[in-house]
N, C-alpha and C. Protein backbone atom coordinates (compact mmCIF):
# COMPACT_ATOMS: atom_id res chain seq x y z
N MET A 1 -8.89 8.70 -27.15
CA MET A 1 -10.47 9.15 -27.11
C MET A 1 -11.36 8.14 -26.88
N ILE A 2 -11.01 6.65 -27.56
CA ILE A 2 -11.66 5.63 -27.44
C ILE A 2 -11.71 5.31 -26.01
N LYS A 3 -10.61 5.24 -25.49
CA LYS A 3 -10.77 4.86 -24.04
C LYS A 3 -11.44 5.63 -23.27
N ASN A 4 -11.64 7.18 -23.31
CA ASN A 4 -12.48 7.90 -22.69
C ASN A 4 -13.86 7.51 -23.06
N ILE A 5 -14.13 7.30 -24.15
CA ILE A 5 -15.77 6.73 -24.49
C ILE A 5 -16.07 5.50 -23.76
N LEU A 6 -15.08 4.65 -23.83
CA LEU A 6 -15.29 3.32 -23.26
C LEU A 6 -15.67 3.40 -21.50
N ILE A 7 -14.62 4.24 -20.94
CA ILE A 7 -14.88 4.78 -19.50
C ILE A 7 -16.26 5.25 -19.24
N ALA A 8 -16.60 6.30 -20.13
CA ALA A 8 -17.78 6.90 -19.82
C ALA A 8 -18.85 5.79 -19.88
N PHE A 9 -18.87 5.06 -21.03
CA PHE A 9 -19.95 4.09 -21.00
C PHE A 9 -20.07 3.13 -19.81
N VAL A 10 -19.10 2.57 -19.44
CA VAL A 10 -19.05 1.81 -18.24
C VAL A 10 -19.60 2.71 -17.02
N VAL A 11 -19.11 3.77 -16.84
CA VAL A 11 -19.58 4.69 -15.78
C VAL A 11 -21.36 4.71 -15.92
N CYS A 12 -21.74 4.84 -17.04
CA CYS A 12 -23.27 5.20 -17.47
C CYS A 12 -24.16 3.84 -16.96
N MET A 13 -23.46 2.69 -17.63
CA MET A 13 -23.77 1.43 -17.10
C MET A 13 -23.96 1.10 -15.55
N VAL A 14 -22.78 1.47 -14.96
CA VAL A 14 -22.82 1.09 -13.50
C VAL A 14 -23.93 2.24 -12.92
N PHE A 15 -24.15 3.30 -13.45
CA PHE A 15 -25.12 4.37 -12.86
C PHE A 15 -26.41 3.62 -13.07
N SER A 16 -26.77 3.36 -14.18
CA SER A 16 -28.06 3.07 -14.61
C SER A 16 -28.21 1.58 -13.77
N LEU A 17 -27.44 0.83 -13.58
CA LEU A 17 -27.83 -0.45 -12.99
C LEU A 17 -27.90 -0.61 -11.43
N PHE A 18 -27.02 0.44 -11.20
CA PHE A 18 -26.90 0.53 -9.42
C PHE A 18 -27.70 1.50 -8.93
N LEU A 19 -27.63 2.47 -9.40
CA LEU A 19 -28.34 3.90 -8.70
C LEU A 19 -29.62 4.20 -9.17
N TYR A 20 -29.70 4.21 -10.58
CA TYR A 20 -31.29 4.58 -10.89
C TYR A 20 -32.24 3.48 -10.54
N PRO A 21 -33.14 4.14 -9.84
CA PRO A 21 -34.02 3.10 -9.22
C PRO A 21 -35.12 2.43 -10.12
N HIS A 22 -35.32 1.32 -9.95
CA HIS A 22 -36.16 0.59 -10.88
C HIS A 22 -37.39 -0.50 -9.96
N HIS A 23 -38.35 -0.28 -10.19
CA HIS A 23 -39.27 -1.15 -9.31
C HIS A 23 -39.30 -2.64 -9.89
N GLN A 24 -39.35 -3.72 -9.18
CA GLN A 24 -39.35 -4.88 -9.79
C GLN A 24 -40.46 -5.81 -9.56
N ALA A 25 -40.94 -6.56 -10.21
CA ALA A 25 -41.94 -7.58 -9.66
C ALA A 25 -41.34 -8.63 -9.29
N HIS A 26 -41.93 -9.88 -8.89
CA HIS A 26 -41.51 -10.84 -8.39
C HIS A 26 -40.56 -11.58 -9.35
N SER A 27 -39.43 -12.41 -9.34
CA SER A 27 -38.97 -13.12 -10.12
C SER A 27 -38.67 -14.66 -9.79
N GLN A 28 -38.56 -15.37 -10.66
CA GLN A 28 -38.04 -16.64 -10.34
C GLN A 28 -36.79 -17.05 -10.93
N GLY A 29 -35.66 -17.00 -10.01
CA GLY A 29 -34.41 -17.44 -10.58
C GLY A 29 -33.85 -16.28 -11.36
N TRP A 30 -34.14 -15.19 -11.25
CA TRP A 30 -33.41 -14.04 -11.91
C TRP A 30 -32.78 -13.13 -10.84
N SER A 31 -31.79 -12.86 -10.76
CA SER A 31 -30.96 -11.95 -9.91
C SER A 31 -31.47 -10.59 -10.15
N ASP A 32 -31.33 -9.77 -9.05
CA ASP A 32 -31.71 -8.28 -9.28
C ASP A 32 -31.03 -7.46 -10.32
N PHE A 33 -29.69 -7.97 -10.37
CA PHE A 33 -28.76 -7.40 -11.53
C PHE A 33 -29.01 -7.85 -12.89
N THR A 34 -29.49 -8.89 -13.12
CA THR A 34 -30.17 -9.56 -14.28
C THR A 34 -31.16 -8.67 -14.67
N ILE A 35 -32.26 -8.41 -13.74
CA ILE A 35 -33.51 -7.62 -13.97
C ILE A 35 -33.21 -6.47 -14.53
N ARG A 36 -32.08 -5.51 -13.75
CA ARG A 36 -31.88 -4.25 -13.71
C ARG A 36 -31.31 -4.05 -15.15
N SER A 37 -30.63 -5.21 -15.63
CA SER A 37 -30.00 -5.05 -16.84
C SER A 37 -30.63 -5.20 -18.04
N LEU A 38 -31.88 -5.61 -17.93
CA LEU A 38 -32.93 -5.84 -18.98
C LEU A 38 -33.46 -4.48 -19.57
N PRO A 39 -33.75 -4.59 -20.99
CA PRO A 39 -34.42 -3.32 -21.56
C PRO A 39 -36.06 -3.43 -21.12
N ASP A 40 -36.63 -2.11 -21.30
CA ASP A 40 -37.87 -1.94 -21.08
C ASP A 40 -38.81 -2.86 -21.62
N SER A 41 -38.39 -3.39 -22.95
CA SER A 41 -39.37 -4.30 -23.66
C SER A 41 -39.37 -5.73 -23.16
N SER A 42 -38.59 -5.95 -22.25
CA SER A 42 -38.52 -7.22 -21.57
C SER A 42 -39.78 -7.46 -20.37
N PHE A 43 -40.23 -6.25 -20.12
CA PHE A 43 -41.32 -6.52 -19.28
C PHE A 43 -42.85 -6.12 -19.73
N ALA A 44 -43.92 -6.84 -19.11
CA ALA A 44 -45.10 -6.83 -19.55
C ALA A 44 -45.80 -5.25 -19.68
N LEU A 45 -45.12 -4.40 -18.69
CA LEU A 45 -45.67 -3.21 -18.58
C LEU A 45 -44.75 -2.17 -17.89
N VAL A 46 -44.29 -0.82 -18.50
CA VAL A 46 -43.66 0.12 -17.96
C VAL A 46 -44.59 1.41 -17.68
N GLU A 47 -44.58 1.67 -16.19
CA GLU A 47 -45.33 3.02 -16.13
C GLU A 47 -44.32 4.13 -15.76
N ILE A 48 -44.52 5.20 -15.55
CA ILE A 48 -43.82 6.22 -14.83
C ILE A 48 -44.51 6.92 -13.67
N ASP A 49 -44.01 7.02 -12.65
CA ASP A 49 -44.54 7.47 -11.64
C ASP A 49 -44.59 9.16 -11.32
N LYS A 50 -45.26 9.34 -10.35
CA LYS A 50 -45.37 10.90 -10.16
C LYS A 50 -43.93 11.69 -10.20
N ASN A 51 -43.10 10.98 -9.84
CA ASN A 51 -41.39 11.63 -9.68
C ASN A 51 -40.81 11.58 -11.09
N GLY A 52 -41.62 10.92 -12.02
CA GLY A 52 -40.91 10.59 -13.30
C GLY A 52 -39.96 9.45 -13.43
N LYS A 53 -40.23 8.35 -12.34
CA LYS A 53 -39.23 7.19 -12.29
C LYS A 53 -39.92 6.17 -12.99
N LYS A 54 -39.23 5.34 -13.66
CA LYS A 54 -39.82 4.13 -14.29
C LYS A 54 -40.28 3.07 -13.16
N VAL A 55 -41.57 2.47 -13.45
CA VAL A 55 -41.86 1.49 -12.65
C VAL A 55 -42.18 0.45 -13.65
N ARG A 56 -41.15 -0.74 -13.51
CA ARG A 56 -41.13 -1.72 -14.38
C ARG A 56 -41.96 -3.19 -14.04
N HIS A 57 -42.71 -3.50 -14.56
CA HIS A 57 -43.75 -4.65 -13.92
C HIS A 57 -43.40 -5.75 -14.87
N PHE A 58 -43.29 -6.98 -14.10
CA PHE A 58 -43.30 -8.22 -14.72
C PHE A 58 -42.38 -8.55 -15.78
N PRO A 59 -41.06 -8.71 -15.43
CA PRO A 59 -40.09 -9.07 -16.40
C PRO A 59 -40.41 -10.66 -16.98
N ILE A 60 -40.48 -10.73 -18.18
CA ILE A 60 -40.64 -11.86 -18.94
C ILE A 60 -39.86 -12.32 -19.91
N ARG A 61 -39.10 -11.62 -20.42
CA ARG A 61 -38.31 -11.75 -21.59
C ARG A 61 -36.79 -11.63 -21.09
N ASP A 62 -35.97 -12.71 -21.46
CA ASP A 62 -34.66 -12.55 -21.17
C ASP A 62 -34.06 -11.59 -21.95
N ILE A 63 -32.70 -11.36 -21.67
CA ILE A 63 -31.66 -10.49 -22.44
C ILE A 63 -31.74 -10.55 -23.91
N ASN A 64 -32.11 -11.75 -24.53
CA ASN A 64 -32.12 -12.04 -25.85
C ASN A 64 -33.42 -11.71 -26.46
N GLY A 65 -34.44 -11.31 -25.64
CA GLY A 65 -35.76 -11.07 -25.85
C GLY A 65 -36.79 -12.46 -25.95
N HIS A 66 -36.11 -13.58 -25.70
CA HIS A 66 -37.17 -14.73 -25.62
C HIS A 66 -37.87 -14.76 -24.14
N ILE A 67 -39.21 -15.25 -24.24
CA ILE A 67 -40.09 -15.38 -23.23
C ILE A 67 -39.56 -16.62 -22.15
N ASP A 68 -39.20 -16.42 -21.12
CA ASP A 68 -38.96 -17.46 -20.20
C ASP A 68 -40.20 -17.81 -19.59
N ILE A 69 -40.48 -19.00 -19.65
CA ILE A 69 -41.84 -19.69 -19.24
C ILE A 69 -42.21 -19.61 -17.82
N ASP A 70 -41.03 -20.14 -17.30
CA ASP A 70 -41.00 -19.98 -15.68
C ASP A 70 -41.33 -18.64 -15.19
N GLN A 71 -40.46 -17.91 -15.74
CA GLN A 71 -40.74 -16.36 -15.13
C GLN A 71 -42.11 -15.87 -15.36
N LEU A 72 -42.67 -16.08 -16.91
CA LEU A 72 -44.08 -15.84 -16.99
C LEU A 72 -44.93 -16.47 -16.02
N ILE A 73 -44.92 -17.76 -15.61
CA ILE A 73 -45.76 -18.26 -14.78
C ILE A 73 -45.67 -17.70 -13.71
N CYS A 74 -44.47 -17.29 -13.27
CA CYS A 74 -44.25 -16.68 -11.79
C CYS A 74 -44.75 -15.48 -11.56
N CYS A 75 -44.74 -14.69 -12.56
CA CYS A 75 -45.34 -13.32 -12.82
C CYS A 75 -47.01 -13.35 -12.64
N LEU A 76 -47.52 -14.29 -13.31
CA LEU A 76 -49.02 -14.75 -13.48
C LEU A 76 -49.34 -15.16 -11.85
N GLY A 77 -48.61 -15.99 -11.21
CA GLY A 77 -48.97 -16.67 -9.97
C GLY A 77 -48.73 -15.55 -8.84
N THR A 78 -48.10 -14.35 -8.96
CA THR A 78 -47.83 -13.51 -7.98
C THR A 78 -48.40 -12.17 -8.60
N PHE A 79 -49.25 -12.09 -9.54
CA PHE A 79 -49.77 -10.76 -10.26
C PHE A 79 -50.50 -10.08 -9.20
N GLY A 80 -51.32 -10.72 -8.19
CA GLY A 80 -51.94 -10.09 -7.14
C GLY A 80 -51.29 -9.26 -6.10
N ASP A 81 -50.02 -9.63 -6.01
CA ASP A 81 -48.99 -8.68 -5.05
C ASP A 81 -48.46 -7.62 -5.60
N GLU A 82 -48.76 -7.33 -6.98
CA GLU A 82 -48.15 -6.07 -7.58
C GLU A 82 -48.72 -4.61 -7.10
N THR A 83 -48.20 -3.63 -7.07
CA THR A 83 -48.47 -2.34 -6.75
C THR A 83 -48.42 -1.53 -8.32
N TRP A 84 -49.56 -0.75 -8.56
CA TRP A 84 -49.71 0.03 -9.71
C TRP A 84 -49.86 1.24 -9.41
N VAL A 85 -49.08 2.23 -10.29
CA VAL A 85 -49.01 3.62 -10.50
C VAL A 85 -50.24 4.17 -10.81
N ASP A 86 -51.04 3.42 -11.99
CA ASP A 86 -52.32 3.67 -12.42
C ASP A 86 -52.96 2.31 -12.32
N PRO A 87 -54.01 2.10 -11.59
CA PRO A 87 -54.56 1.06 -11.73
C PRO A 87 -55.20 0.38 -12.83
N ASN A 88 -55.56 1.41 -13.79
CA ASN A 88 -56.16 0.93 -15.13
C ASN A 88 -55.16 0.26 -15.87
N HIS A 89 -53.71 0.24 -15.62
CA HIS A 89 -52.73 -0.56 -16.41
C HIS A 89 -52.92 -1.86 -15.86
N LYS A 90 -53.30 -2.31 -14.76
CA LYS A 90 -53.34 -3.70 -14.20
C LYS A 90 -53.90 -4.63 -15.39
N GLU A 91 -54.98 -4.33 -15.93
CA GLU A 91 -55.69 -5.33 -17.01
C GLU A 91 -55.00 -5.44 -18.23
N THR A 92 -54.32 -4.25 -18.54
CA THR A 92 -53.30 -4.19 -19.81
C THR A 92 -52.20 -5.42 -19.43
N ALA A 93 -51.30 -5.11 -18.34
CA ALA A 93 -50.57 -6.05 -18.01
C ALA A 93 -50.92 -7.36 -17.94
N ARG A 94 -52.00 -7.85 -17.57
CA ARG A 94 -52.64 -9.10 -17.14
C ARG A 94 -52.99 -9.67 -18.64
N ARG A 95 -53.53 -8.79 -19.45
CA ARG A 95 -53.83 -9.22 -20.87
C ARG A 95 -52.50 -9.83 -21.75
N ARG A 96 -51.33 -8.92 -21.45
CA ARG A 96 -50.41 -9.23 -21.97
C ARG A 96 -49.47 -10.48 -21.50
N LEU A 97 -49.49 -10.77 -20.22
CA LEU A 97 -49.29 -11.94 -19.73
C LEU A 97 -50.04 -13.12 -19.99
N GLU A 98 -51.20 -13.08 -20.12
CA GLU A 98 -52.20 -14.15 -20.20
C GLU A 98 -52.02 -14.59 -21.87
N GLU A 99 -51.85 -13.72 -22.73
CA GLU A 99 -51.69 -14.12 -24.16
C GLU A 99 -50.50 -15.00 -24.19
N HIS A 100 -49.34 -14.53 -23.90
CA HIS A 100 -48.18 -15.46 -23.85
C HIS A 100 -48.38 -16.71 -23.16
N TYR A 101 -48.98 -16.79 -21.95
CA TYR A 101 -49.20 -17.86 -21.15
C TYR A 101 -50.19 -19.01 -22.09
N TYR A 102 -51.39 -18.26 -22.86
CA TYR A 102 -52.40 -19.26 -23.24
C TYR A 102 -51.73 -19.79 -24.65
N ARG A 103 -50.80 -19.05 -25.50
CA ARG A 103 -50.07 -19.66 -26.49
C ARG A 103 -49.32 -20.85 -25.98
N PHE A 104 -48.44 -20.77 -24.94
CA PHE A 104 -47.81 -21.65 -24.35
C PHE A 104 -48.36 -22.77 -23.88
N LYS A 105 -49.81 -22.62 -23.27
CA LYS A 105 -50.45 -23.58 -22.57
C LYS A 105 -51.02 -24.57 -24.00
N LEU A 106 -51.47 -23.92 -24.91
CA LEU A 106 -51.90 -24.40 -26.06
C LEU A 106 -50.89 -25.30 -26.85
N LYS A 107 -49.73 -25.14 -26.83
CA LYS A 107 -48.60 -25.77 -27.43
C LYS A 107 -48.30 -27.07 -26.37
N GLN A 108 -48.40 -26.74 -25.22
CA GLN A 108 -48.11 -27.77 -24.34
C GLN A 108 -49.14 -28.74 -24.19
N SER A 109 -50.48 -28.42 -24.33
CA SER A 109 -51.49 -29.32 -24.34
C SER A 109 -51.34 -30.47 -25.24
N LYS A 110 -50.60 -30.14 -26.62
CA LYS A 110 -50.39 -31.08 -27.31
C LYS A 110 -49.40 -32.24 -27.16
N GLU A 111 -48.63 -31.95 -26.00
CA GLU A 111 -47.76 -32.89 -25.78
C GLU A 111 -48.14 -33.64 -24.48
N GLU A 112 -47.98 -35.17 -24.88
CA GLU A 112 -48.44 -35.85 -23.63
C GLU A 112 -47.13 -36.14 -22.56
N MET A 113 -47.98 -36.07 -21.32
CA MET A 113 -47.15 -36.29 -20.15
C MET A 113 -46.68 -37.87 -20.27
N LYS A 114 -45.37 -37.99 -20.21
CA LYS A 114 -44.49 -39.42 -20.41
C LYS A 114 -44.53 -40.19 -19.21
N GLU A 115 -44.57 -39.56 -17.98
CA GLU A 115 -44.24 -39.97 -16.67
C GLU A 115 -44.60 -38.83 -15.54
N PRO A 116 -45.04 -39.32 -14.42
CA PRO A 116 -45.27 -38.31 -13.39
C PRO A 116 -44.19 -37.41 -13.09
N VAL A 117 -44.59 -36.21 -12.69
CA VAL A 117 -43.44 -35.22 -12.58
C VAL A 117 -42.98 -35.51 -10.80
N ASN A 118 -41.82 -35.09 -10.67
CA ASN A 118 -41.36 -34.98 -9.26
C ASN A 118 -41.58 -33.63 -8.77
N ILE A 119 -42.59 -33.63 -7.91
CA ILE A 119 -42.87 -32.32 -7.29
C ILE A 119 -41.80 -31.53 -6.48
N ASN A 120 -40.69 -32.35 -6.19
CA ASN A 120 -39.55 -31.77 -5.39
C ASN A 120 -38.72 -31.12 -6.28
N LYS A 121 -38.71 -31.40 -7.39
CA LYS A 121 -37.55 -30.67 -8.61
C LYS A 121 -37.99 -30.05 -9.91
N THR A 122 -39.37 -30.20 -9.98
CA THR A 122 -39.76 -29.93 -11.34
C THR A 122 -39.81 -28.25 -11.32
N SER A 123 -40.05 -27.92 -12.53
CA SER A 123 -40.06 -26.48 -12.83
C SER A 123 -41.63 -26.07 -12.75
N LEU A 124 -41.81 -24.65 -12.72
CA LEU A 124 -42.87 -24.14 -12.93
C LEU A 124 -43.96 -24.58 -13.96
N LYS A 125 -43.03 -24.45 -15.28
CA LYS A 125 -44.00 -24.99 -16.44
C LYS A 125 -44.29 -26.38 -16.48
N GLU A 126 -43.50 -27.33 -15.66
CA GLU A 126 -43.92 -28.68 -15.44
C GLU A 126 -45.21 -28.94 -14.41
N LEU A 127 -45.24 -27.87 -13.39
CA LEU A 127 -46.27 -28.06 -12.45
C LEU A 127 -47.56 -27.56 -13.05
N ILE A 128 -47.55 -26.76 -14.14
CA ILE A 128 -48.89 -26.19 -14.74
C ILE A 128 -49.44 -27.30 -15.66
N ARG A 129 -48.80 -28.39 -15.95
CA ARG A 129 -49.37 -29.40 -16.49
C ARG A 129 -50.18 -30.36 -15.90
N LEU A 130 -49.96 -30.23 -14.46
CA LEU A 130 -51.00 -30.99 -13.73
C LEU A 130 -52.23 -30.62 -13.85
N PRO A 131 -53.39 -31.44 -13.86
CA PRO A 131 -54.68 -30.98 -13.67
C PRO A 131 -55.13 -29.99 -12.64
N ASN A 132 -55.84 -28.98 -12.95
CA ASN A 132 -56.33 -27.86 -11.94
C ASN A 132 -55.11 -27.20 -11.28
N ILE A 133 -54.03 -27.26 -11.99
CA ILE A 133 -52.87 -26.48 -11.13
C ILE A 133 -52.52 -25.51 -12.28
N GLY A 134 -52.79 -24.12 -11.87
CA GLY A 134 -52.56 -23.17 -12.75
C GLY A 134 -51.37 -22.23 -12.04
N PRO A 135 -50.96 -21.10 -12.78
CA PRO A 135 -49.96 -20.14 -12.39
C PRO A 135 -49.88 -20.07 -10.54
N VAL A 136 -51.04 -19.48 -10.28
CA VAL A 136 -51.13 -19.19 -8.59
C VAL A 136 -50.72 -20.61 -7.89
N MET A 137 -51.10 -21.76 -8.17
CA MET A 137 -51.11 -22.79 -7.41
C MET A 137 -49.57 -23.39 -7.60
N ALA A 138 -49.09 -23.32 -8.94
CA ALA A 138 -47.98 -23.51 -9.04
C ALA A 138 -46.61 -22.87 -8.36
N VAL A 139 -46.81 -21.49 -8.29
CA VAL A 139 -46.17 -20.68 -7.37
C VAL A 139 -46.05 -21.28 -6.06
N ARG A 140 -47.41 -21.63 -5.46
CA ARG A 140 -47.75 -21.90 -4.04
C ARG A 140 -46.57 -23.19 -3.68
N ILE A 141 -46.98 -24.09 -4.65
CA ILE A 141 -46.24 -25.44 -4.45
C ILE A 141 -44.46 -24.99 -4.49
N TYR A 142 -44.27 -24.40 -5.58
CA TYR A 142 -42.87 -23.97 -5.44
C TYR A 142 -42.26 -23.17 -4.20
N GLU A 143 -42.91 -22.23 -3.73
CA GLU A 143 -42.72 -21.37 -2.55
C GLU A 143 -42.83 -22.56 -1.36
N TYR A 144 -43.60 -23.37 -1.28
CA TYR A 144 -43.60 -24.17 -0.33
C TYR A 144 -42.36 -24.95 0.04
N ARG A 145 -42.21 -25.63 -1.20
CA ARG A 145 -41.02 -26.53 -1.06
C ARG A 145 -39.83 -25.81 -0.82
N GLU A 146 -39.60 -24.42 -1.18
CA GLU A 146 -38.50 -23.71 -0.94
C GLU A 146 -38.39 -23.29 0.39
N ARG A 147 -39.64 -23.13 1.32
CA ARG A 147 -39.59 -22.91 2.79
C ARG A 147 -39.49 -24.03 3.50
N HIS A 148 -40.23 -25.10 3.13
CA HIS A 148 -40.12 -26.27 3.98
C HIS A 148 -39.27 -27.58 3.72
N GLY A 149 -38.59 -27.30 2.40
CA GLY A 149 -37.72 -28.42 2.21
C GLY A 149 -38.67 -29.44 1.40
N PRO A 150 -37.90 -30.70 0.74
CA PRO A 150 -38.86 -31.48 -0.19
C PRO A 150 -40.02 -32.38 0.49
N PHE A 151 -40.97 -32.68 -0.25
CA PHE A 151 -41.98 -33.17 0.21
C PHE A 151 -41.78 -34.79 0.37
N HIS A 152 -42.01 -35.35 1.32
CA HIS A 152 -41.65 -36.76 1.57
C HIS A 152 -42.27 -37.60 1.28
N ASP A 153 -43.71 -37.50 0.91
CA ASP A 153 -44.54 -38.45 0.16
C ASP A 153 -45.74 -37.33 -0.53
N ILE A 154 -46.20 -37.92 -1.51
CA ILE A 154 -46.83 -37.42 -2.46
C ILE A 154 -48.34 -36.40 -1.55
N GLU A 155 -48.63 -37.09 -0.52
CA GLU A 155 -49.76 -36.60 0.21
C GLU A 155 -49.36 -35.31 0.86
N ASP A 156 -47.98 -35.03 1.10
CA ASP A 156 -47.47 -33.68 1.63
C ASP A 156 -47.86 -32.74 0.79
N ILE A 157 -48.30 -32.72 -0.22
CA ILE A 157 -48.66 -31.62 -1.29
C ILE A 157 -49.86 -31.03 -0.88
N LYS A 158 -50.82 -31.88 0.01
CA LYS A 158 -52.03 -31.37 0.45
C LYS A 158 -51.94 -30.25 1.53
N LYS A 159 -50.30 -30.02 2.16
CA LYS A 159 -50.08 -28.93 2.98
C LYS A 159 -49.95 -27.60 2.31
N VAL A 160 -50.04 -27.66 1.20
CA VAL A 160 -49.95 -26.35 0.12
C VAL A 160 -51.33 -25.97 0.36
N GLU A 161 -51.31 -24.46 0.79
CA GLU A 161 -52.72 -23.66 0.78
C GLU A 161 -53.45 -23.90 -0.66
N GLY A 162 -54.70 -24.38 -0.51
CA GLY A 162 -55.44 -24.55 -1.73
C GLY A 162 -55.38 -25.84 -2.33
N ILE A 163 -54.48 -26.86 -2.06
CA ILE A 163 -54.69 -28.03 -2.41
C ILE A 163 -55.59 -29.15 -1.49
N GLY A 164 -56.83 -29.36 -1.75
CA GLY A 164 -57.53 -29.99 -1.00
C GLY A 164 -57.64 -31.38 -1.48
N PRO A 165 -58.65 -32.11 -0.99
CA PRO A 165 -59.03 -33.63 -1.32
C PRO A 165 -59.33 -33.73 -3.14
N ALA A 166 -59.89 -32.69 -3.56
CA ALA A 166 -60.39 -32.85 -4.91
C ALA A 166 -59.15 -32.47 -5.88
N ILE A 167 -58.52 -31.49 -5.50
CA ILE A 167 -57.19 -31.41 -6.36
C ILE A 167 -56.16 -32.59 -6.45
N PHE A 168 -55.98 -32.82 -5.07
CA PHE A 168 -55.20 -33.94 -4.79
C PHE A 168 -55.68 -35.08 -5.56
N ALA A 169 -56.83 -35.60 -5.49
CA ALA A 169 -57.41 -36.48 -6.27
C ALA A 169 -57.23 -36.36 -7.77
N GLY A 170 -57.17 -35.33 -8.26
CA GLY A 170 -56.80 -35.04 -9.70
C GLY A 170 -55.40 -35.02 -10.08
N ILE A 171 -54.55 -34.98 -9.23
CA ILE A 171 -53.26 -34.88 -9.53
C ILE A 171 -52.34 -36.18 -8.93
N ARG A 172 -53.10 -36.87 -8.01
CA ARG A 172 -52.18 -37.75 -7.24
C ARG A 172 -51.23 -38.95 -8.20
N TYR A 173 -51.97 -39.32 -9.41
CA TYR A 173 -51.27 -40.20 -10.24
C TYR A 173 -50.23 -39.65 -11.25
N TYR A 174 -50.19 -38.27 -11.32
CA TYR A 174 -49.34 -37.60 -12.21
C TYR A 174 -48.23 -36.82 -11.49
N ILE A 175 -47.89 -37.08 -9.97
CA ILE A 175 -46.91 -36.75 -9.31
C ILE A 175 -46.03 -37.89 -8.50
N ARG A 176 -44.82 -37.43 -8.24
CA ARG A 176 -43.99 -38.19 -7.43
C ARG A 176 -43.17 -37.77 -6.58
N VAL A 177 -42.59 -37.86 -5.72
CA VAL A 177 -41.24 -37.32 -4.85
C VAL A 177 -39.97 -37.81 -5.16
N ARG A 178 -39.74 -38.90 -5.73
CA ARG A 178 -38.63 -39.13 -6.23
C ARG A 178 -38.19 -39.60 -7.49
């Protein structure tokens, strides 16, 4: 009897993880399997489409319910790429994400930067510590280095869309490449 219940449970899990369609937003370092296995409470917002299927937007909590800051920043940095069942839900999701982000930024602002960050290896949460670098620009830096490889000197960061002379002047003393 217990064996049959266990088999039924495994079959249901496989069905829900692989066959039940879930829409996923961008993720940073999380596999599709990990995202599919998350409960709805891990997402900033869950909608139901016209066919009755779940559309889960922006996974920010891990399987234990803890907010993953790099994932949160990635979600905010790619927010404009998301498609909504009901466009009115967009601002609700943005507010939820920004609440967590601002709490993190407040806590982070109390911590002093000890040394420049290595822009070839640093996480999104370290990139947003740089002056004038928010989630969108942090994601751009991360994606640029993923596509083009490591920066060879700090001036190379100006190749990232949106980083011009003014932003570079503000961050140049806070970054390194080795």
